[in-house]
Amino acid sequence: MERVTEERVFEALRQVEDPELHRDIVSLGMVKNLAVTDGQVSFTVELTTPACPLRETIDADCKKALSQIAGINAVQINFGAQVRGSKAGGGQTDLLPTVKNVVLVAAGKGGVGKSTVAANLAVALKMHGAAAGLLDADIYGPSVPIIMGVRGEPRQIDVNGVRKIEPTLAHGLPVMSIGFFLDADQAVIWRGPMLGKALHQLMADVHWGDLDYLVVDMPPGTGDAQLTLAQNVPLKGAVIISTPQDLSLIDARRGLAMFKKVNVPVLGIVENMSYFQCPECGTRSDIFGHGGARHEAERLGVPFLGEIPLHMSIRTTSDDGNPVVASDPDGPHAAIYRAIGTRVRDQLQGAIAAA
């Protein structure tokens, strides 16, 4: 009988495709610690997320592929997880060296629910098993403290002899916002350089710890904050939020064009306030129109990540500091955000695998 070798095992496993990334698990570097001894094969499959829903599919596909090799009498497959991250480059100074992936949540105009999406997306990524954090970069209108239900100025701690700001924990996430340092009615009246300095401090002076994802709630528009981050941080991608309304889509288009100019990949577009369904009679109303963001995503050649309805529970949970993904994780609206989180995660890991 022909001897079973590591080379033959690797060749067989090249037939197994990651169902989400659509590449074989060997070329993706997911097969680790392969050992072949007297017909017994053992190895670890390193998934791209701890809560991968396709673990059983990959397990079955691996065993099926190895069953074609004569001489194998036992197969042991272990599973691990390692969220992959981007590296600094292009002359950028990495202000977030312990963060693997920085994801911007942006909108061309205000009032489209960007901060609510950012908060729920961060919680959704955590529920997928990743280490996630939330940075409120909307210096002029910080709303993350309200949405996440946290107040008060964070304390300073000593980290290897350096004074750092400790993020506030909310719903299991480290959270940072300029709003923690302002009175409730205090207005921020700063020119661009001051804004850039504040953003720099919220990144470099904060002890974020080891994070798989840092979700950044951006100010609306295409101004100094976007340029500051693009020039100083290796950004993995941006999620654009828009309503179906034509006015919102025009601004979303400008935001997308801006990110392309500064070489930040657009991970996709989310249509927020997509429709309203009457809780009493069930009648659906497309208050701002419907499907505009999906059509725009198709026209521009970027992924459409999902549509979120205009619903009272999403508004009330945000106002109460208890985002719907955290307060009602098994509910229908949390499911929408979790699905968007899955698509964002897949876009990120697919881009890293292709790099």
Protein backbone atom coordinates (compact mmCIF):
# COMPACT_ATOMS: atom_id res chain seq x y z
CA MET A 1 0.00 0.00 0.00
CA GLU A 2 1.32 3.45 -0.91
CA ARG A 3 2.57 5.48 2.03
CA VAL A 4 0.44 8.40 3.18
CA THR A 5 2.50 11.61 3.11
CA GLU A 6 1.89 15.19 4.18
CA GLU A 7 2.16 16.25 0.54
CA ARG A 8 -0.71 13.93 -0.46
CA VAL A 9 -2.84 15.18 2.43
CA PHE A 10 -2.26 18.81 1.50
CA GLU A 11 -3.10 18.03 -2.12
CA ALA A 12 -6.40 16.44 -1.07
CA LEU A 13 -7.27 19.36 1.20
CA ARG A 14 -6.84 21.75 -1.72
CA GLN A 15 -10.21 20.41 -2.87
CA VAL A 16 -11.86 21.90 0.23
CA GLU A 17 -13.11 25.44 -0.28
CA ASP A 18 -13.96 27.95 2.42
CA PRO A 19 -17.68 28.47 1.70
CA GLU A 20 -17.49 32.21 2.44
CA LEU A 21 -14.12 33.17 0.94
CA HIS A 22 -14.44 30.79 -2.06
CA ARG A 23 -10.80 29.71 -2.01
CA ASP A 24 -9.28 26.45 -0.87
CA ILE A 25 -8.28 26.17 2.78
CA VAL A 26 -4.65 25.31 1.99
CA SER A 27 -3.91 28.41 -0.09
CA LEU A 28 -5.72 30.49 2.56
CA GLY A 29 -3.26 29.19 5.17
CA MET A 30 -6.05 27.70 7.28
CA VAL A 31 -4.45 24.25 7.69
CA LYS A 32 -2.08 24.16 10.66
CA ASN A 33 -0.08 21.56 12.61
CA LEU A 34 -0.51 18.74 10.10
CA ALA A 35 0.81 15.39 11.35
CA VAL A 36 0.74 12.03 9.56
CA THR A 37 1.69 8.90 11.54
CA ASP A 38 0.98 5.29 10.52
CA GLY A 39 -2.15 6.18 8.59
CA GLN A 40 -3.43 8.56 11.22
CA VAL A 41 -3.89 12.17 10.10
CA SER A 42 -4.40 15.11 12.44
CA PHE A 43 -4.45 18.85 11.78
CA THR A 44 -6.04 22.11 12.86
CA VAL A 45 -8.30 24.26 10.68
CA GLU A 46 -7.86 27.89 11.67
CA LEU A 47 -11.14 29.65 11.01
CA THR A 48 -11.35 33.37 10.28
CA THR A 49 -13.86 33.96 13.05
CA PRO A 50 -14.45 32.16 16.38
CA ALA A 51 -18.18 31.82 15.74
CA CYS A 52 -17.95 30.50 12.17
CA PRO A 53 -21.35 28.96 11.30
CA LEU A 54 -19.81 26.73 8.60
CA ARG A 55 -17.49 24.69 10.83
CA GLU A 56 -19.49 21.48 10.29
CA THR A 57 -19.47 21.98 6.52
CA ILE A 58 -15.69 22.39 6.45
CA ASP A 59 -15.25 19.38 8.74
CA ALA A 60 -17.36 17.17 6.48
CA ASP A 61 -15.64 18.42 3.31
CA CYS A 62 -12.18 17.72 4.78
CA LYS A 63 -13.12 14.17 5.75
CA LYS A 64 -14.66 13.54 2.33
CA ALA A 65 -11.51 14.78 0.56
CA LEU A 66 -9.22 12.63 2.73
CA SER A 67 -11.39 9.54 2.25
CA GLN A 68 -10.05 9.40 -1.32
CA ILE A 69 -6.55 8.58 -0.03
CA ALA A 70 -5.96 4.87 0.50
CA GLY A 71 -4.12 4.07 3.70
CA ILE A 72 -5.73 6.68 5.96
CA ASN A 73 -7.48 4.90 8.80
CA ALA A 74 -8.14 7.80 11.20
CA VAL A 75 -8.67 11.55 10.84
CA GLN A 76 -8.66 14.04 13.72
CA ILE A 77 -9.62 17.63 12.88
CA ASN A 78 -9.30 20.37 15.47
CA PHE A 79 -10.65 23.88 15.00
CA GLY A 80 -9.13 27.17 16.07
CA ALA A 81 -9.83 30.77 15.12
CA GLN A 82 -7.70 33.73 14.20
CA VAL A 83 -9.18 36.94 12.85
CA ARG A 84 -6.78 38.21 10.24
CA GLY A 85 -5.66 41.78 10.17
CA SER A 86 -4.30 44.39 7.83
CA LYS A 87 -0.83 45.88 8.12
CA ALA A 88 0.27 49.49 8.09
CA GLY A 89 1.65 50.70 4.82
CA GLY A 90 1.95 53.54 2.37
CA GLY A 91 3.83 55.74 4.82
CA GLN A 92 1.07 55.57 7.42
CA THR A 93 1.92 55.86 11.09
CA ASP A 94 0.02 53.11 12.84
CA LEU A 95 -1.59 54.78 15.84
CA LEU A 96 -3.45 51.57 16.66
CA PRO A 97 -0.77 48.84 16.66
CA THR A 98 -2.87 46.40 18.71
CA VAL A 99 -5.93 46.66 16.42
CA LYS A 100 -6.08 44.24 13.51
CA ASN A 101 -8.83 45.88 11.45
CA VAL A 102 -10.10 49.46 11.54
CA VAL A 103 -13.55 49.83 9.96
CA LEU A 104 -15.16 53.21 9.33
CA VAL A 105 -18.92 53.70 9.41
CA ALA A 106 -19.60 56.80 7.36
CA ALA A 107 -22.35 58.82 5.71
CA GLY A 108 -22.38 61.67 3.24
CA LYS A 109 -24.92 63.57 5.36
CA GLY A 110 -26.21 63.64 8.91
CA GLY A 111 -29.48 62.21 10.15
CA VAL A 112 -29.30 58.84 8.39
CA GLY A 113 -28.72 56.76 11.54
CA LYS A 114 -24.99 56.25 11.09
CA SER A 115 -24.13 56.17 14.81
CA THR A 116 -26.90 53.69 15.59
CA VAL A 117 -25.61 51.39 12.85
CA ALA A 118 -22.02 51.77 14.08
CA ALA A 119 -22.93 50.85 17.67
CA ASN A 120 -25.04 47.85 16.68
CA LEU A 121 -22.41 46.68 14.18
CA ALA A 122 -19.72 46.73 16.88
CA VAL A 123 -21.93 44.71 19.24
CA ALA A 124 -22.79 42.30 16.39
CA LEU A 125 -19.10 41.68 15.64
CA LYS A 126 -18.53 40.91 19.31
CA MET A 127 -21.42 38.43 19.20
CA HIS A 128 -19.67 36.73 16.30
CA GLY A 129 -16.90 35.91 18.78
CA ALA A 130 -14.46 38.67 17.86
CA ALA A 131 -12.78 41.23 20.10
CA ALA A 132 -14.40 44.49 19.00
CA GLY A 133 -14.25 48.13 20.09
CA LEU A 134 -16.09 51.34 19.23
CA LEU A 135 -14.51 54.76 18.62
CA ASP A 136 -16.70 57.84 18.30
CA ALA A 137 -14.83 60.06 15.83
CA ASP A 138 -17.78 62.42 15.37
CA ILE A 139 -16.07 65.20 17.32
CA TYR A 140 -18.70 67.87 16.64
CA GLY A 141 -21.70 65.66 17.40
CA PRO A 142 -20.71 62.72 19.60
CA SER A 143 -23.72 60.47 20.21
CA VAL A 144 -22.06 57.15 21.02
CA PRO A 145 -22.12 57.83 24.81
CA ILE A 146 -25.92 58.12 24.67
CA ILE A 147 -26.41 55.10 22.39
CA MET A 148 -24.10 52.91 24.48
CA GLY A 149 -25.43 54.21 27.80
CA VAL A 150 -22.14 55.41 29.32
CA ARG A 151 -21.17 58.69 30.95
CA GLY A 152 -18.28 60.21 32.83
CA GLU A 153 -14.64 60.92 32.10
CA PRO A 154 -12.51 57.76 31.71
CA ARG A 155 -9.66 57.17 34.16
CA GLN A 156 -5.98 57.13 33.33
CA ILE A 157 -3.86 54.03 33.86
CA ASP A 158 -0.19 53.13 33.66
CA VAL A 159 0.76 50.88 30.72
CA ASN A 160 4.43 49.89 30.76
CA GLY A 161 5.40 53.22 32.29
CA VAL A 162 3.23 55.29 29.93
CA ARG A 163 0.07 57.09 31.01
CA LYS A 164 -2.89 55.95 28.91
CA ILE A 165 -6.64 56.53 28.92
CA GLU A 166 -8.65 53.43 29.74
CA PRO A 167 -11.69 53.04 27.46
CA THR A 168 -15.10 52.84 29.06
CA LEU A 169 -16.67 49.38 28.86
CA ALA A 170 -20.22 49.19 27.54
CA HIS A 171 -22.04 46.01 26.52
CA GLY A 172 -18.73 44.17 26.57
CA LEU A 173 -16.98 46.66 24.27
CA PRO A 174 -14.22 49.19 24.96
CA VAL A 175 -15.70 52.55 23.93
CA MET A 176 -14.10 55.97 23.51
CA SER A 177 -15.64 59.33 22.63
CA ILE A 178 -14.80 63.02 22.99
CA GLY A 179 -18.28 63.18 24.54
CA PHE A 180 -16.87 61.64 27.73
CA PHE A 181 -14.84 64.80 28.29
CA LEU A 182 -17.57 67.37 27.54
CA ASP A 183 -20.47 68.76 29.51
CA ALA A 184 -23.86 67.74 28.13
CA ASP A 185 -24.55 71.15 26.59
CA GLN A 186 -20.97 72.00 25.61
CA ALA A 187 -20.36 72.72 21.92
CA VAL A 188 -17.10 71.81 20.19
CA ILE A 189 -15.95 74.81 18.12
CA TRP A 190 -12.64 73.72 16.63
CA ARG A 191 -10.87 74.25 13.34
CA GLY A 192 -9.41 71.33 11.39
CA PRO A 193 -6.00 71.09 13.14
CA MET A 194 -7.67 70.87 16.55
CA LEU A 195 -9.99 68.15 15.31
CA GLY A 196 -7.03 66.22 13.92
CA LYS A 197 -5.19 66.47 17.23
CA ALA A 198 -8.24 65.23 19.14
CA LEU A 199 -8.63 62.22 16.86
CA HIS A 200 -4.93 61.47 17.22
CA GLN A 201 -5.29 61.44 21.02
CA LEU A 202 -8.41 59.26 20.94
CA MET A 203 -6.35 56.66 19.13
CA ALA A 204 -2.75 56.96 20.30
CA ASP A 205 -3.41 57.89 23.94
CA VAL A 206 -6.04 55.20 24.58
CA HIS A 207 -5.20 51.70 25.78
CA TRP A 208 -7.38 49.79 23.36
CA GLY A 209 -5.84 46.38 24.02
CA ASP A 210 -5.82 43.61 21.45
CA LEU A 211 -8.80 44.04 19.13
CA ASP A 212 -9.88 42.17 16.04
CA TYR A 213 -12.06 45.08 14.92
CA LEU A 214 -12.31 48.74 15.87
CA VAL A 215 -15.51 50.25 14.49
CA VAL A 216 -15.17 54.01 14.00
CA ASP A 217 -18.29 56.19 13.93
CA MET A 218 -17.28 58.98 11.54
CA PRO A 219 -18.70 62.50 11.33
CA PRO A 220 -20.93 63.04 8.27
CA GLY A 221 -19.40 64.45 5.10
CA THR A 222 -16.00 64.29 3.47
CA GLY A 223 -13.80 66.55 5.59
CA ASP A 224 -10.83 66.72 7.92
CA ALA A 225 -11.69 63.70 10.07
CA GLN A 226 -11.79 61.36 7.08
CA LEU A 227 -8.48 62.66 5.76
CA THR A 228 -6.82 62.49 9.19
CA LEU A 229 -7.72 58.84 9.60
CA ALA A 230 -6.84 57.90 6.01
CA GLN A 231 -3.40 59.49 6.37
CA ASN A 232 -2.53 58.12 9.80
CA VAL A 233 -4.17 54.71 10.18
CA PRO A 234 -4.13 51.60 7.96
CA LEU A 235 -7.86 51.52 7.32
CA LYS A 236 -9.27 48.20 6.23
CA GLY A 237 -12.49 49.58 4.80
CA ALA A 238 -15.53 51.80 5.08
CA VAL A 239 -19.24 51.04 5.38
CA ILE A 240 -21.48 53.71 3.83
CA ILE A 241 -24.87 54.41 5.43
CA SER A 242 -27.69 55.96 3.41
CA THR A 243 -31.45 56.19 3.41
CA PRO A 244 -33.28 55.33 0.16
CA GLN A 245 -33.95 59.03 -0.44
CA ASP A 246 -32.32 60.60 -3.51
CA LEU A 247 -30.76 63.44 -1.45
CA SER A 248 -29.07 60.94 0.85
CA LEU A 249 -27.87 58.82 -2.06
CA ILE A 250 -26.25 61.82 -3.73
CA ASP A 251 -24.19 62.46 -0.59
CA ALA A 252 -23.43 58.75 -0.18
CA ARG A 253 -22.07 58.75 -3.73
CA ARG A 254 -19.74 61.62 -2.83
CA GLY A 255 -18.56 59.80 0.26
CA LEU A 256 -17.80 56.70 -1.73
CA ALA A 257 -15.84 58.73 -4.28
CA MET A 258 -13.84 60.34 -1.48
CA PHE A 259 -12.84 56.98 0.04
CA LYS A 260 -11.74 55.73 -3.36
CA LYS A 261 -9.55 58.82 -3.77
CA VAL A 262 -7.75 58.14 -0.49
CA ASN A 263 -7.47 54.40 -1.25
CA VAL A 264 -9.85 53.18 1.44
CA PRO A 265 -11.85 50.14 0.23
CA VAL A 266 -15.62 50.49 0.46
CA LEU A 267 -16.94 47.32 2.08
CA GLY A 268 -20.50 48.08 1.07
CA ILE A 269 -23.61 50.22 1.47
CA VAL A 270 -26.35 49.84 4.09
CA GLU A 271 -29.85 51.18 3.45
CA ASN A 272 -31.11 52.52 6.79
CA MET A 273 -34.74 53.56 7.44
CA SER A 274 -35.50 51.37 4.46
CA TYR A 275 -39.22 50.99 5.20
CA PHE A 276 -41.79 51.27 7.97
CA GLN A 277 -44.16 48.46 8.92
CA CYS A 278 -47.15 49.44 11.02
CA PRO A 279 -47.11 47.45 14.29
CA GLU A 280 -50.91 47.56 14.44
CA CYS A 281 -52.04 46.57 10.94
CA GLY A 282 -48.82 45.29 9.38
CA THR A 283 -49.05 47.67 6.42
CA ARG A 284 -45.65 48.50 4.97
CA SER A 285 -44.84 52.08 3.95
CA ASP A 286 -41.74 53.15 2.02
CA ILE A 287 -41.51 56.56 3.66
CA PHE A 288 -38.21 57.58 2.06
CA GLY A 289 -38.62 55.39 -1.01
CA HIS A 290 -37.13 51.90 -1.12
CA GLY A 291 -34.26 50.10 -2.80
CA GLY A 292 -32.32 53.21 -3.74
CA ALA A 293 -29.19 52.17 -1.83
CA ARG A 294 -29.27 48.66 -3.30
CA HIS A 295 -29.56 50.11 -6.81
CA GLU A 296 -26.73 52.56 -6.08
CA ALA A 297 -24.50 49.77 -4.78
CA GLU A 298 -25.12 47.74 -7.94
CA ARG A 299 -24.48 50.78 -10.14
CA LEU A 300 -21.20 51.58 -8.38
CA GLY A 301 -20.06 47.97 -8.16
CA VAL A 302 -19.86 47.69 -4.37
CA PRO A 303 -21.59 45.14 -2.10
CA PHE A 304 -25.05 45.85 -0.74
CA LEU A 305 -24.86 44.88 2.94
CA GLY A 306 -28.53 45.00 3.91
CA GLU A 307 -31.58 47.09 4.69
CA ILE A 308 -32.67 48.21 8.16
CA PRO A 309 -36.29 49.24 8.79
CA LEU A 310 -37.50 52.39 10.48
CA HIS A 311 -38.79 50.92 13.74
CA MET A 312 -39.64 52.23 17.18
CA SER A 313 -37.60 49.61 19.05
CA ILE A 314 -34.37 50.57 17.26
CA ARG A 315 -34.93 54.20 18.21
CA THR A 316 -35.97 53.60 21.82
CA THR A 317 -33.16 51.17 22.60
CA SER A 318 -30.62 53.63 21.23
CA ASP A 319 -32.10 56.49 23.26
CA ASP A 320 -32.02 54.27 26.35
CA GLY A 321 -28.33 53.40 25.90
CA ASN A 322 -29.08 49.76 25.19
CA PRO A 323 -28.62 49.02 21.45
CA VAL A 324 -31.12 46.55 20.03
CA VAL A 325 -28.44 43.93 19.27
CA ALA A 326 -27.52 43.91 22.96
CA SER A 327 -31.01 44.36 24.44
CA ASP A 328 -32.87 41.92 22.17
CA PRO A 329 -30.16 39.70 20.62
CA ASP A 330 -32.64 37.09 19.38
CA GLY A 331 -35.11 39.60 17.96
CA PRO A 332 -35.74 40.30 14.26
CA HIS A 333 -33.92 43.64 14.20
CA ALA A 334 -30.85 42.28 15.95
CA ALA A 335 -30.80 39.54 13.33
CA ILE A 336 -30.59 42.18 10.59
CA TYR A 337 -27.59 43.86 12.23
CA ARG A 338 -25.90 40.51 12.88
CA ALA A 339 -26.32 39.60 9.20
CA ILE A 340 -24.74 42.92 8.20
CA GLY A 341 -21.90 42.20 10.66
CA THR A 342 -21.36 38.82 8.99
CA ARG A 343 -21.19 40.42 5.55
CA VAL A 344 -18.76 43.09 6.77
CA ARG A 345 -16.59 40.41 8.36
CA ASP A 346 -16.61 38.35 5.17
CA GLN A 347 -15.70 41.37 3.04
CA LEU A 348 -12.77 42.12 5.35
CA GLN A 349 -11.45 38.57 5.46
CA GLY A 350 -11.94 38.13 1.72
CA ALA A 351 -9.93 41.28 1.01
CA ILE A 352 -7.12 40.15 3.33
CA ALA A 353 -7.04 36.68 1.76
CA ALA A 354 -6.82 38.20 -1.72
CA ALA A 355 -4.02 40.59 -0.73
